[in-house]
């Protein structure tokens, strides 16, 4: 999606997940269980920021907030894309899809 004047891919690898956990103070499980309310602007901007830092580790949260404020509706669109990237990152990192297919709960052996 186009944000900050250029096309950017939203992606959650381990470092992005770590950054989101660090900045929110929530565990991955708490993030998943808590859902997302777009009115929680702080969390929404952090979601987008963490999805973009894989390309620029020096990216500031406030810069992302400025980008999201530049166009009507961009915040909600970007937050939704970040959520999708986060869910995919969680599935890939924690092997959630393969565990669900086997009938196991994540974290259980």
PDB file of N, CA and C in Angstrom:
ATOM      1  N   UNK A   1       0.839  -1.168   0.000  1.00  0.00           N
ATOM      2  CA  UNK A   1       0.000   0.000   0.000  1.00  0.00           C
ATOM      3  C   UNK A   1       0.885   1.233   0.000  1.00  0.00           C
ATOM      4  N   UNK A   2       0.335   2.319  -0.486  1.00  0.00           N
ATOM      5  CA  UNK A   2       1.109   3.553  -0.541  1.00  0.00           C
ATOM      6  C   UNK A   2       0.943   4.306   0.770  1.00  0.00           C
ATOM      7  N   UNK A   3       2.064   4.535   1.432  1.00  0.00           N
ATOM      8  CA  UNK A   3       2.091   5.265   2.695  1.00  0.00           C
ATOM      9  C   UNK A   3       3.433   5.982   2.785  1.00  0.00           C
ATOM     10  N   UNK A   4       3.402   7.206   3.248  1.00  0.00           N
ATOM     11  CA  UNK A   4       4.640   7.972   3.341  1.00  0.00           C
ATOM     12  C   UNK A   4       5.241   8.281   1.994  1.00  0.00           C
ATOM     13  N   UNK A   5       4.402   8.387   0.979  1.00  0.00           N
ATOM     14  CA  UNK A   5       4.872   8.761  -0.354  1.00  0.00           C
ATOM     15  C   UNK A   5       5.416   7.633  -1.204  1.00  0.00           C
ATOM     16  N   UNK A   6       5.393   6.398  -0.687  1.00  0.00           N
ATOM     17  CA  UNK A   6       5.862   5.285  -1.524  1.00  0.00           C
ATOM     18  C   UNK A   6       5.159   3.991  -1.153  1.00  0.00           C
ATOM     19  N   UNK A   7       5.228   3.042  -2.053  1.00  0.00           N
ATOM     20  CA  UNK A   7       4.629   1.729  -1.812  1.00  0.00           C
ATOM     21  C   UNK A   7       5.435   0.998  -0.747  1.00  0.00           C
ATOM     22  N   UNK A   8       4.726   0.460   0.218  1.00  0.00           N
ATOM     23  CA  UNK A   8       5.379  -0.273   1.300  1.00  0.00           C
ATOM     24  C   UNK A   8       4.642  -1.582   1.540  1.00  0.00           C
ATOM     25  N   UNK A   9       5.409  -2.589   1.884  1.00  0.00           N
ATOM     26  CA  UNK A   9       4.835  -3.889   2.223  1.00  0.00           C
ATOM     27  C   UNK A   9       4.811  -4.019   3.736  1.00  0.00           C
ATOM     28  N   UNK A  10       3.681  -4.448   4.262  1.00  0.00           N
ATOM     29  CA  UNK A  10       3.539  -4.669   5.694  1.00  0.00           C
ATOM     30  C   UNK A  10       3.950  -6.105   5.980  1.00  0.00           C
ATOM     31  N   UNK A  11       4.846  -6.269   6.965  1.00  0.00           N
ATOM     32  CA  UNK A  11       5.376  -7.594   7.245  1.00  0.00           C
ATOM     33  C   UNK A  11       5.744  -7.690   8.720  1.00  0.00           C
ATOM     34  N   UNK A  12       5.420  -8.814   9.313  1.00  0.00           N
ATOM     35  CA  UNK A  12       5.774  -9.089  10.694  1.00  0.00           C
ATOM     36  C   UNK A  12       6.690 -10.289  10.767  1.00  0.00           C
ATOM     37  N   UNK A  13       7.969 -10.029  11.024  1.00  0.00           N
ATOM     38  CA  UNK A  13       8.922 -11.067  11.372  1.00  0.00           C
ATOM     39  C   UNK A  13       9.134 -11.018  12.878  1.00  0.00           C
ATOM     40  N   UNK A  14      10.106 -11.756  13.362  1.00  0.00           N
ATOM     41  CA  UNK A  14      10.364 -11.800  14.804  1.00  0.00           C
ATOM     42  C   UNK A  14      10.676 -10.429  15.384  1.00  0.00           C
ATOM     43  N   UNK A  15      11.490  -9.643  14.693  1.00  0.00           N
ATOM     44  CA  UNK A  15      11.847  -8.338  15.247  1.00  0.00           C
ATOM     45  C   UNK A  15      10.649  -7.397  15.301  1.00  0.00           C
ATOM     46  N   UNK A  16       9.773  -7.480  14.329  1.00  0.00           N
ATOM     47  CA  UNK A  16       8.566  -6.659  14.361  1.00  0.00           C
ATOM     48  C   UNK A  16       7.645  -7.094  15.499  1.00  0.00           C
ATOM     49  N   UNK A  17       7.511  -8.387  15.690  1.00  0.00           N
ATOM     50  CA  UNK A  17       6.695  -8.894  16.800  1.00  0.00           C
ATOM     51  C   UNK A  17       7.304  -8.460  18.124  1.00  0.00           C
ATOM     52  N   UNK A  18       8.618  -8.584  18.255  1.00  0.00           N
ATOM     53  CA  UNK A  18       9.301  -8.156  19.479  1.00  0.00           C
ATOM     54  C   UNK A  18       9.060  -6.678  19.748  1.00  0.00           C
ATOM     55  N   UNK A  19       9.160  -5.863  18.714  1.00  0.00           N
ATOM     56  CA  UNK A  19       8.967  -4.415  18.874  1.00  0.00           C
ATOM     57  C   UNK A  19       7.548  -4.109  19.333  1.00  0.00           C
ATOM     58  N   UNK A  20       6.572  -4.783  18.744  1.00  0.00           N
ATOM     59  CA  UNK A  20       5.178  -4.552  19.128  1.00  0.00           C
ATOM     60  C   UNK A  20       4.938  -4.980  20.580  1.00  0.00           C
ATOM     61  N   UNK A  21       5.488  -6.117  20.971  1.00  0.00           N
ATOM     62  CA  UNK A  21       5.361  -6.600  22.342  1.00  0.00           C
ATOM     63  C   UNK A  21       6.016  -5.601  23.305  1.00  0.00           C
ATOM     64  N   UNK A  22       7.207  -5.150  22.955  1.00  0.00           N
ATOM     65  CA  UNK A  22       7.934  -4.194  23.798  1.00  0.00           C
ATOM     66  C   UNK A  22       7.159  -2.883  23.955  1.00  0.00           C
ATOM     67  N   UNK A  23       6.639  -2.362  22.847  1.00  0.00           N
ATOM     68  CA  UNK A  23       5.973  -1.053  22.879  1.00  0.00           C
ATOM     69  C   UNK A  23       4.577  -1.104  23.518  1.00  0.00           C
ATOM     70  N   UNK A  24       3.899  -2.225  23.384  1.00  0.00           N
ATOM     71  CA  UNK A  24       2.539  -2.318  23.941  1.00  0.00           C
ATOM     72  C   UNK A  24       2.527  -2.893  25.354  1.00  0.00           C
ATOM     73  N   UNK A  25       3.582  -3.633  25.714  1.00  0.00           N
ATOM     74  CA  UNK A  25       3.600  -4.294  27.011  1.00  0.00           C
ATOM     75  C   UNK A  25       2.690  -5.510  27.056  1.00  0.00           C
ATOM     76  N   UNK A  26       2.244  -5.964  25.888  1.00  0.00           N
ATOM     77  CA  UNK A  26       1.347  -7.121  25.807  1.00  0.00           C
ATOM     78  C   UNK A  26       2.087  -8.307  25.209  1.00  0.00           C
ATOM     79  N   UNK A  27       1.724  -9.504  25.658  1.00  0.00           N
ATOM     80  CA  UNK A  27       2.273 -10.718  25.071  1.00  0.00           C
ATOM     81  C   UNK A  27       1.594 -10.964  23.724  1.00  0.00           C
ATOM     82  N   UNK A  28       2.182 -11.800  22.873  1.00  0.00           N
ATOM     83  CA  UNK A  28       1.496 -12.138  21.626  1.00  0.00           C
ATOM     84  C   UNK A  28       0.093 -12.692  21.866  1.00  0.00           C
ATOM     85  N   UNK A  29      -0.071 -13.511  22.891  1.00  0.00           N
ATOM     86  CA  UNK A  29      -1.396 -14.062  23.190  1.00  0.00           C
ATOM     87  C   UNK A  29      -2.378 -12.950  23.562  1.00  0.00           C
ATOM     88  N   UNK A  30      -1.942 -11.998  24.379  1.00  0.00           N
ATOM     89  CA  UNK A  30      -2.809 -10.882  24.764  1.00  0.00           C
ATOM     90  C   UNK A  30      -3.189 -10.034  23.548  1.00  0.00           C
ATOM     91  N   UNK A  31      -2.254  -9.865  22.640  1.00  0.00           N
ATOM     92  CA  UNK A  31      -2.536  -9.101  21.424  1.00  0.00           C
ATOM     93  C   UNK A  31      -3.592  -9.823  20.594  1.00  0.00           C
ATOM     94  N   UNK A  32      -3.425 -11.130  20.416  1.00  0.00           N
ATOM     95  CA  UNK A  32      -4.386 -11.914  19.643  1.00  0.00           C
ATOM     96  C   UNK A  32      -5.768 -11.924  20.287  1.00  0.00           C
ATOM     97  N   UNK A  33      -5.806 -12.123  21.590  1.00  0.00           N
ATOM     98  CA  UNK A  33      -7.084 -12.228  22.294  1.00  0.00           C
ATOM     99  C   UNK A  33      -7.782 -10.881  22.432  1.00  0.00           C
ATOM    100  N   UNK A  34      -7.006  -9.801  22.436  1.00  0.00           N
ATOM    101  CA  UNK A  34      -7.572  -8.476  22.665  1.00  0.00           C
ATOM    102  C   UNK A  34      -8.311  -7.897  21.476  1.00  0.00           C
ATOM    103  N   UNK A  35      -8.058  -8.431  20.302  1.00  0.00           N
ATOM    104  CA  UNK A  35      -8.702  -7.884  19.117  1.00  0.00           C
ATOM    105  C   UNK A  35      -8.189  -6.488  18.818  1.00  0.00           C
ATOM    106  N   UNK A  36      -8.873  -5.798  17.917  1.00  0.00           N
ATOM    107  CA  UNK A  36      -8.447  -4.455  17.547  1.00  0.00           C
ATOM    108  C   UNK A  36      -9.656  -3.550  17.421  1.00  0.00           C
ATOM    109  N   UNK A  37      -9.606  -2.466  18.137  1.00  0.00           N
ATOM    110  CA  UNK A  37     -10.624  -1.421  18.059  1.00  0.00           C
ATOM    111  C   UNK A  37      -9.963  -0.222  17.388  1.00  0.00           C
ATOM    112  N   UNK A  38     -10.407   0.183  16.201  1.00  0.00           N
ATOM    113  CA  UNK A  38      -9.748   1.283  15.495  1.00  0.00           C
ATOM    114  C   UNK A  38      -9.729   2.595  16.281  1.00  0.00           C
ATOM    115  N   UNK A  39     -10.583   2.690  17.297  1.00  0.00           N
ATOM    116  CA  UNK A  39     -10.568   3.902  18.121  1.00  0.00           C
ATOM    117  C   UNK A  39      -9.369   3.932  19.058  1.00  0.00           C
ATOM    118  N   UNK A  40      -8.687   2.789  19.224  1.00  0.00           N
ATOM    119  CA  UNK A  40      -7.448   2.743  20.006  1.00  0.00           C
ATOM    120  C   UNK A  40      -6.309   3.158  19.080  1.00  0.00           C
ATOM    121  N   UNK A  41      -6.213   4.462  18.880  1.00  0.00           N
ATOM    122  CA  UNK A  41      -5.285   5.020  17.897  1.00  0.00           C
ATOM    123  C   UNK A  41      -3.834   4.687  18.244  1.00  0.00           C
ATOM    124  N   UNK A  42      -3.483   4.726  19.508  1.00  0.00           N
ATOM    125  CA  UNK A  42      -2.100   4.423  19.899  1.00  0.00           C
ATOM    126  C   UNK A  42      -1.719   3.012  19.453  1.00  0.00           C
ATOM    127  N   UNK A  43      -2.571   2.047  19.733  1.00  0.00           N
ATOM    128  CA  UNK A  43      -2.292   0.669  19.328  1.00  0.00           C
ATOM    129  C   UNK A  43      -2.288   0.547  17.804  1.00  0.00           C
ATOM    130  N   UNK A  44      -3.224   1.221  17.137  1.00  0.00           N
ATOM    131  CA  UNK A  44      -3.289   1.161  15.684  1.00  0.00           C
ATOM    132  C   UNK A  44      -2.034   1.692  15.010  1.00  0.00           C
ATOM    133  N   UNK A  45      -1.534   2.820  15.484  1.00  0.00           N
ATOM    134  CA  UNK A  45      -0.306   3.385  14.912  1.00  0.00           C
ATOM    135  C   UNK A  45       0.878   2.464  15.200  1.00  0.00           C
ATOM    136  N   UNK A  46       0.927   1.886  16.403  1.00  0.00           N
ATOM    137  CA  UNK A  46       2.000   0.940  16.721  1.00  0.00           C
ATOM    138  C   UNK A  46       1.943  -0.295  15.824  1.00  0.00           C
ATOM    139  N   UNK A  47       0.737  -0.776  15.535  1.00  0.00           N
ATOM    140  CA  UNK A  47       0.586  -1.922  14.626  1.00  0.00           C
ATOM    141  C   UNK A  47       1.205  -1.620  13.262  1.00  0.00           C
ATOM    142  N   UNK A  48       0.878  -0.444  12.732  1.00  0.00           N
ATOM    143  CA  UNK A  48       1.394  -0.063  11.411  1.00  0.00           C
ATOM    144  C   UNK A  48       2.908   0.120  11.483  1.00  0.00           C
ATOM    145  N   UNK A  49       3.369   0.844  12.491  1.00  0.00           N
ATOM    146  CA  UNK A  49       4.804   1.086  12.656  1.00  0.00           C
ATOM    147  C   UNK A  49       5.598  -0.226  12.695  1.00  0.00           C
ATOM    148  N   UNK A  50       5.153  -1.159  13.545  1.00  0.00           N
ATOM    149  CA  UNK A  50       5.875  -2.423  13.686  1.00  0.00           C
ATOM    150  C   UNK A  50       5.866  -3.227  12.393  1.00  0.00           C
ATOM    151  N   UNK A  51       4.814  -3.086  11.594  1.00  0.00           N
ATOM    152  CA  UNK A  51       4.734  -3.799  10.311  1.00  0.00           C
ATOM    153  C   UNK A  51       5.667  -3.212   9.266  1.00  0.00           C
ATOM    154  N   UNK A  52       6.180  -2.010   9.519  1.00  0.00           N
ATOM    155  CA  UNK A  52       7.044  -1.336   8.545  1.00  0.00           C
ATOM    156  C   UNK A  52       8.516  -1.327   8.936  1.00  0.00           C
ATOM    157  N   UNK A  53       8.841  -1.605  10.187  1.00  0.00           N
ATOM    158  CA  UNK A  53      10.239  -1.461  10.615  1.00  0.00           C
ATOM    159  C   UNK A  53      11.176  -2.503  10.014  1.00  0.00           C
ATOM    160  N   UNK A  54      10.645  -3.542   9.423  1.00  0.00           N
ATOM    161  CA  UNK A  54      11.523  -4.521   8.775  1.00  0.00           C
ATOM    162  C   UNK A  54      12.286  -3.869   7.622  1.00  0.00           C
ATOM    163  N   UNK A  55      11.717  -2.798   7.045  1.00  0.00           N
ATOM    164  CA  UNK A  55      12.384  -2.088   5.955  1.00  0.00           C
ATOM    165  C   UNK A  55      13.240  -0.938   6.458  1.00  0.00           C
ATOM    166  N   UNK A  56      12.918  -0.392   7.629  1.00  0.00           N
ATOM    167  CA  UNK A  56      13.632   0.766   8.163  1.00  0.00           C
ATOM    168  C   UNK A  56      13.597   0.710   9.684  1.00  0.00           C
ATOM    169  N   UNK A  57      14.657   0.197  10.268  1.00  0.00           N
ATOM    170  CA  UNK A  57      14.704   0.034  11.731  1.00  0.00           C
ATOM    171  C   UNK A  57      14.741   1.369  12.467  1.00  0.00           C
ATOM    172  N   UNK A  58      15.027   2.452  11.773  1.00  0.00           N
ATOM    173  CA  UNK A  58      15.076   3.772  12.396  1.00  0.00           C
ATOM    174  C   UNK A  58      13.758   4.531  12.267  1.00  0.00           C
ATOM    175  N   UNK A  59      12.743   3.891  11.720  1.00  0.00           N
ATOM    176  CA  UNK A  59      11.452   4.531  11.532  1.00  0.00           C
ATOM    177  C   UNK A  59      10.841   4.888  12.887  1.00  0.00           C
ATOM    178  N   UNK A  60      10.389   6.118  13.024  1.00  0.00           N
ATOM    179  CA  UNK A  60       9.806   6.584  14.279  1.00  0.00           C
ATOM    180  C   UNK A  60       8.289   6.422  14.254  1.00  0.00           C
ATOM    181  N   UNK A  61       7.725   6.104  15.396  1.00  0.00           N
ATOM    182  CA  UNK A  61       6.276   5.954  15.523  1.00  0.00           C
ATOM    183  C   UNK A  61       5.580   7.256  15.120  1.00  0.00           C
ATOM    184  N   UNK A  62       6.117   8.387  15.557  1.00  0.00           N
ATOM    185  CA  UNK A  62       5.507   9.676  15.215  1.00  0.00           C
ATOM    186  C   UNK A  62       5.511   9.929  13.707  1.00  0.00           C
ATOM    187  N   UNK A  63       6.544   9.466  13.010  1.00  0.00           N
ATOM    188  CA  UNK A  63       6.587   9.619  11.551  1.00  0.00           C
ATOM    189  C   UNK A  63       5.442   8.836  10.911  1.00  0.00           C
ATOM    190  N   UNK A  64       5.224   7.628  11.392  1.00  0.00           N
ATOM    191  CA  UNK A  64       4.126   6.815  10.875  1.00  0.00           C
ATOM    192  C   UNK A  64       2.794   7.505  11.156  1.00  0.00           C
ATOM    193  N   UNK A  65       2.647   8.070  12.340  1.00  0.00           N
ATOM    194  CA  UNK A  65       1.428   8.812  12.667  1.00  0.00           C
ATOM    195  C   UNK A  65       1.200   9.968  11.701  1.00  0.00           C
ATOM    196  N   UNK A  66       2.262  10.681  11.359  1.00  0.00           N
ATOM    197  CA  UNK A  66       2.140  11.780  10.387  1.00  0.00           C
ATOM    198  C   UNK A  66       1.700  11.254   9.029  1.00  0.00           C
ATOM    199  N   UNK A  67       2.284  10.140   8.602  1.00  0.00           N
ATOM    200  CA  UNK A  67       1.896   9.548   7.316  1.00  0.00           C
ATOM    201  C   UNK A  67       0.419   9.178   7.323  1.00  0.00           C
ATOM    202  N   UNK A  68      -0.015   8.553   8.405  1.00  0.00           N
ATOM    203  CA  UNK A  68      -1.406   8.084   8.484  1.00  0.00           C
ATOM    204  C   UNK A  68      -2.395   9.243   8.549  1.00  0.00           C
ATOM    205  N   UNK A  69      -1.928  10.384   8.969  1.00  0.00           N
ATOM    206  CA  UNK A  69      -2.766  11.571   9.081  1.00  0.00           C
ATOM    207  C   UNK A  69      -2.841  12.353   7.769  1.00  0.00           C
ATOM    208  N   UNK A  70      -2.061  11.939   6.779  1.00  0.00           N
ATOM    209  CA  UNK A  70      -1.942  12.715   5.544  1.00  0.00           C
ATOM    210  C   UNK A  70      -3.095  12.526   4.563  1.00  0.00           C
ATOM    211  N   UNK A  71      -3.884  11.494   4.763  1.00  0.00           N
ATOM    212  CA  UNK A  71      -4.948  11.179   3.805  1.00  0.00           C
ATOM    213  C   UNK A  71      -6.153  10.595   4.539  1.00  0.00           C
ATOM    214  N   UNK A  72      -7.322  11.065   4.215  1.00  0.00           N
ATOM    215  CA  UNK A  72      -8.543  10.585   4.867  1.00  0.00           C
ATOM    216  C   UNK A  72      -8.715   9.083   4.648  1.00  0.00           C
ATOM    217  N   UNK A  73      -8.969   8.378   5.734  1.00  0.00           N
ATOM    218  CA  UNK A  73      -9.215   6.943   5.673  1.00  0.00           C
ATOM    219  C   UNK A  73      -7.966   6.083   5.645  1.00  0.00           C
ATOM    220  N   UNK A  74      -6.804   6.695   5.526  1.00  0.00           N
ATOM    221  CA  UNK A  74      -5.563   5.926   5.423  1.00  0.00           C
ATOM    222  C   UNK A  74      -5.273   5.154   6.711  1.00  0.00           C
ATOM    223  N   UNK A  75      -5.559   5.760   7.857  1.00  0.00           N
ATOM    224  CA  UNK A  75      -5.287   5.091   9.135  1.00  0.00           C
ATOM    225  C   UNK A  75      -6.019   3.752   9.221  1.00  0.00           C
ATOM    226  N   UNK A  76      -7.310   3.742   8.964  1.00  0.00           N
ATOM    227  CA  UNK A  76      -8.096   2.510   9.081  1.00  0.00           C
ATOM    228  C   UNK A  76      -7.624   1.476   8.059  1.00  0.00           C
ATOM    229  N   UNK A  77      -7.379   1.908   6.844  1.00  0.00           N
ATOM    230  CA  UNK A  77      -6.911   0.990   5.799  1.00  0.00           C
ATOM    231  C   UNK A  77      -5.555   0.386   6.171  1.00  0.00           C
ATOM    232  N   UNK A  78      -4.639   1.222   6.635  1.00  0.00           N
ATOM    233  CA  UNK A  78      -3.307   0.744   6.998  1.00  0.00           C
ATOM    234  C   UNK A  78      -3.367  -0.161   8.229  1.00  0.00           C
ATOM    235  N   UNK A  79      -4.187   0.203   9.209  1.00  0.00           N
ATOM    236  CA  UNK A  79      -4.312  -0.625  10.410  1.00  0.00           C
ATOM    237  C   UNK A  79      -4.845  -2.010  10.045  1.00  0.00           C
ATOM    238  N   UNK A  80      -5.809  -2.067   9.135  1.00  0.00           N
ATOM    239  CA  UNK A  80      -6.348  -3.369   8.720  1.00  0.00           C
ATOM    240  C   UNK A  80      -5.283  -4.201   8.011  1.00  0.00           C
ATOM    241  N   UNK A  81      -4.507  -3.553   7.155  1.00  0.00           N
ATOM    242  CA  UNK A  81      -3.436  -4.279   6.470  1.00  0.00           C
ATOM    243  C   UNK A  81      -2.387  -4.757   7.475  1.00  0.00           C
ATOM    244  N   UNK A  82      -2.098  -3.931   8.477  1.00  0.00           N
ATOM    245  CA  UNK A  82      -1.130  -4.317   9.504  1.00  0.00           C
ATOM    246  C   UNK A  82      -1.645  -5.500  10.320  1.00  0.00           C
ATOM    247  N   UNK A  83      -2.931  -5.518  10.622  1.00  0.00           N
ATOM    248  CA  UNK A  83      -3.523  -6.643  11.354  1.00  0.00           C
ATOM    249  C   UNK A  83      -3.376  -7.930  10.554  1.00  0.00           C
ATOM    250  N   UNK A  84      -3.676  -7.856   9.269  1.00  0.00           N
ATOM    251  CA  UNK A  84      -3.534  -9.036   8.415  1.00  0.00           C
ATOM    252  C   UNK A  84      -2.090  -9.524   8.399  1.00  0.00           C
ATOM    253  N   UNK A  85      -1.137  -8.582   8.314  1.00  0.00           N
ATOM    254  CA  UNK A  85       0.281  -8.950   8.328  1.00  0.00           C
ATOM    255  C   UNK A  85       0.671  -9.551   9.679  1.00  0.00           C
ATOM    256  N   UNK A  86       0.128  -8.992  10.757  1.00  0.00           N
ATOM    257  CA  UNK A  86       0.424  -9.503  12.095  1.00  0.00           C
ATOM    258  C   UNK A  86      -0.084 -10.932  12.254  1.00  0.00           C
ATOM    259  N   UNK A  87      -1.304 -11.178  11.840  1.00  0.00           N
ATOM    260  CA  UNK A  87      -1.858 -12.529  11.934  1.00  0.00           C
ATOM    261  C   UNK A  87      -1.037 -13.516  11.124  1.00  0.00           C
ATOM    262  N   UNK A  88      -0.626 -13.121   9.928  1.00  0.00           N
ATOM    263  CA  UNK A  88       0.215 -13.986   9.104  1.00  0.00           C
ATOM    264  C   UNK A  88       1.562 -14.211   9.774  1.00  0.00           C
ATOM    265  N   UNK A  89       2.131 -13.160  10.356  1.00  0.00           N
ATOM    266  CA  UNK A  89       3.401 -13.296  11.070  1.00  0.00           C
ATOM    267  C   UNK A  89       3.296 -14.224  12.268  1.00  0.00           C
ATOM    268  N   UNK A  90       2.205 -14.111  13.025  1.00  0.00           N
ATOM    269  CA  UNK A  90       1.980 -15.015  14.149  1.00  0.00           C
ATOM    270  C   UNK A  90       1.834 -16.454  13.656  1.00  0.00           C
ATOM    271  N   UNK A  91       1.078 -16.655  12.591  1.00  0.00           N
ATOM    272  CA  UNK A  91       0.895 -18.013  12.050  1.00  0.00           C
ATOM    273  C   UNK A  91       2.239 -18.609  11.641  1.00  0.00           C
ATOM    274  N   UNK A  92       3.028 -17.809  10.947  1.00  0.00           N
ATOM    275  CA  UNK A  92       4.315 -18.292  10.454  1.00  0.00           C
ATOM    276  C   UNK A  92       5.294 -18.518  11.613  1.00  0.00           C
ATOM    277  N   UNK A  93       5.398 -17.560  12.513  1.00  0.00           N
ATOM    278  CA  UNK A  93       6.377 -17.628  13.594  1.00  0.00           C
ATOM    279  C   UNK A  93       6.053 -18.716  14.601  1.00  0.00           C
ATOM    280  N   UNK A  94       4.792 -18.808  14.971  1.00  0.00           N
ATOM    281  CA  UNK A  94       4.395 -19.747  16.018  1.00  0.00           C
ATOM    282  C   UNK A  94       3.783 -21.024  15.462  1.00  0.00           C
ATOM    283  N   UNK A  95       3.815 -21.171  14.138  1.00  0.00           N
ATOM    284  CA  UNK A  95       3.293 -22.364  13.460  1.00  0.00           C
ATOM    285  C   UNK A  95       1.852 -22.650  13.853  1.00  0.00           C
ATOM    286  N   UNK A  96       1.071 -21.604  13.954  1.00  0.00           N
ATOM    287  CA  UNK A  96      -0.315 -21.759  14.400  1.00  0.00           C
ATOM    288  C   UNK A  96      -1.149 -22.571  13.431  1.00  0.00           C
ATOM    289  N   UNK A  97      -0.969 -22.366  12.148  1.00  0.00           N
ATOM    290  CA  UNK A  97      -1.790 -23.074  11.164  1.00  0.00           C
ATOM    291  C   UNK A  97      -1.552 -24.578  11.243  1.00  0.00           C
ATOM    292  N   UNK A  98      -0.292 -24.991  11.349  1.00  0.00           N
ATOM    293  CA  UNK A  98      -0.009 -26.428  11.398  1.00  0.00           C
ATOM    294  C   UNK A  98      -0.514 -27.042  12.701  1.00  0.00           C
ATOM    295  N   UNK A  99      -0.438 -26.298  13.803  1.00  0.00           N
ATOM    296  CA  UNK A  99      -0.943 -26.827  15.071  1.00  0.00           C
ATOM    297  C   UNK A  99      -2.457 -26.945  15.054  1.00  0.00           C
ATOM    298  N   UNK A 100      -3.130 -25.948  14.487  1.00  0.00           N
ATOM    299  CA  UNK A 100      -4.587 -26.003  14.411  1.00  0.00           C
ATOM    300  C   UNK A 100      -5.033 -27.166  13.534  1.00  0.00           C
ATOM    301  N   UNK A 101      -4.305 -27.413  12.472  1.00  0.00           N
ATOM    302  CA  UNK A 101      -4.658 -28.507  11.565  1.00  0.00           C
ATOM    303  C   UNK A 101      -4.529 -29.859  12.272  1.00  0.00           C
ATOM    304  N   UNK A 102      -3.567 -29.936  13.221  1.00  0.00           N
ATOM    305  CA  UNK A 102      -3.375 -31.182  13.941  1.00  0.00           C
ATOM    306  C   UNK A 102      -4.268 -31.280  15.164  1.00  0.00           C
ATOM    307  N   UNK A 103      -5.075 -30.256  15.412  1.00  0.00           N
ATOM    308  CA  UNK A 103      -5.976 -30.274  16.540  1.00  0.00           C
ATOM    309  C   UNK A 103      -5.336 -29.915  17.857  1.00  0.00           C
ATOM    310  N   UNK A 104      -4.148 -29.330  17.818  1.00  0.00           N
ATOM    311  CA  UNK A 104      -3.449 -28.936  19.038  1.00  0.00           C
ATOM    312  C   UNK A 104      -3.663 -27.460  19.300  1.00  0.00           C
ATOM    313  N   UNK A 105      -3.554 -27.080  20.556  1.00  0.00           N
ATOM    314  CA  UNK A 105      -3.602 -25.681  20.902  1.00  0.00           C
ATOM    315  C   UNK A 105      -2.181 -25.143  20.888  1.00  0.00           C
ATOM    316  N   UNK A 106      -1.966 -23.893  20.436  1.00  0.00           N
ATOM    317  CA  UNK A 106      -0.628 -23.308  20.467  1.00  0.00           C
ATOM    318  C   UNK A 106      -0.072 -23.330  21.884  1.00  0.00           C
ATOM    319  N   UNK A 107       1.205 -23.734  21.990  1.00  0.00           N
ATOM    320  CA  UNK A 107       1.854 -23.756  23.295  1.00  0.00           C
ATOM    321  C   UNK A 107       1.642 -25.038  24.068  1.00  0.00           C
ATOM    322  N   UNK A 108       0.828 -25.946  23.547  1.00  0.00           N
ATOM    323  CA  UNK A 108       0.581 -27.227  24.240  1.00  0.00           C
ATOM    324  C   UNK A 108       1.320 -28.328  23.492  1.00  0.00           C
ATOM    325  N   UNK A 109       1.855 -29.280  24.239  1.00  0.00           N
ATOM    326  CA  UNK A 109       2.529 -30.415  23.611  1.00  0.00           C
ATOM    327  C   UNK A 109       1.749 -31.675  23.804  1.00  0.00           C
TER     328      UNK A 109
END
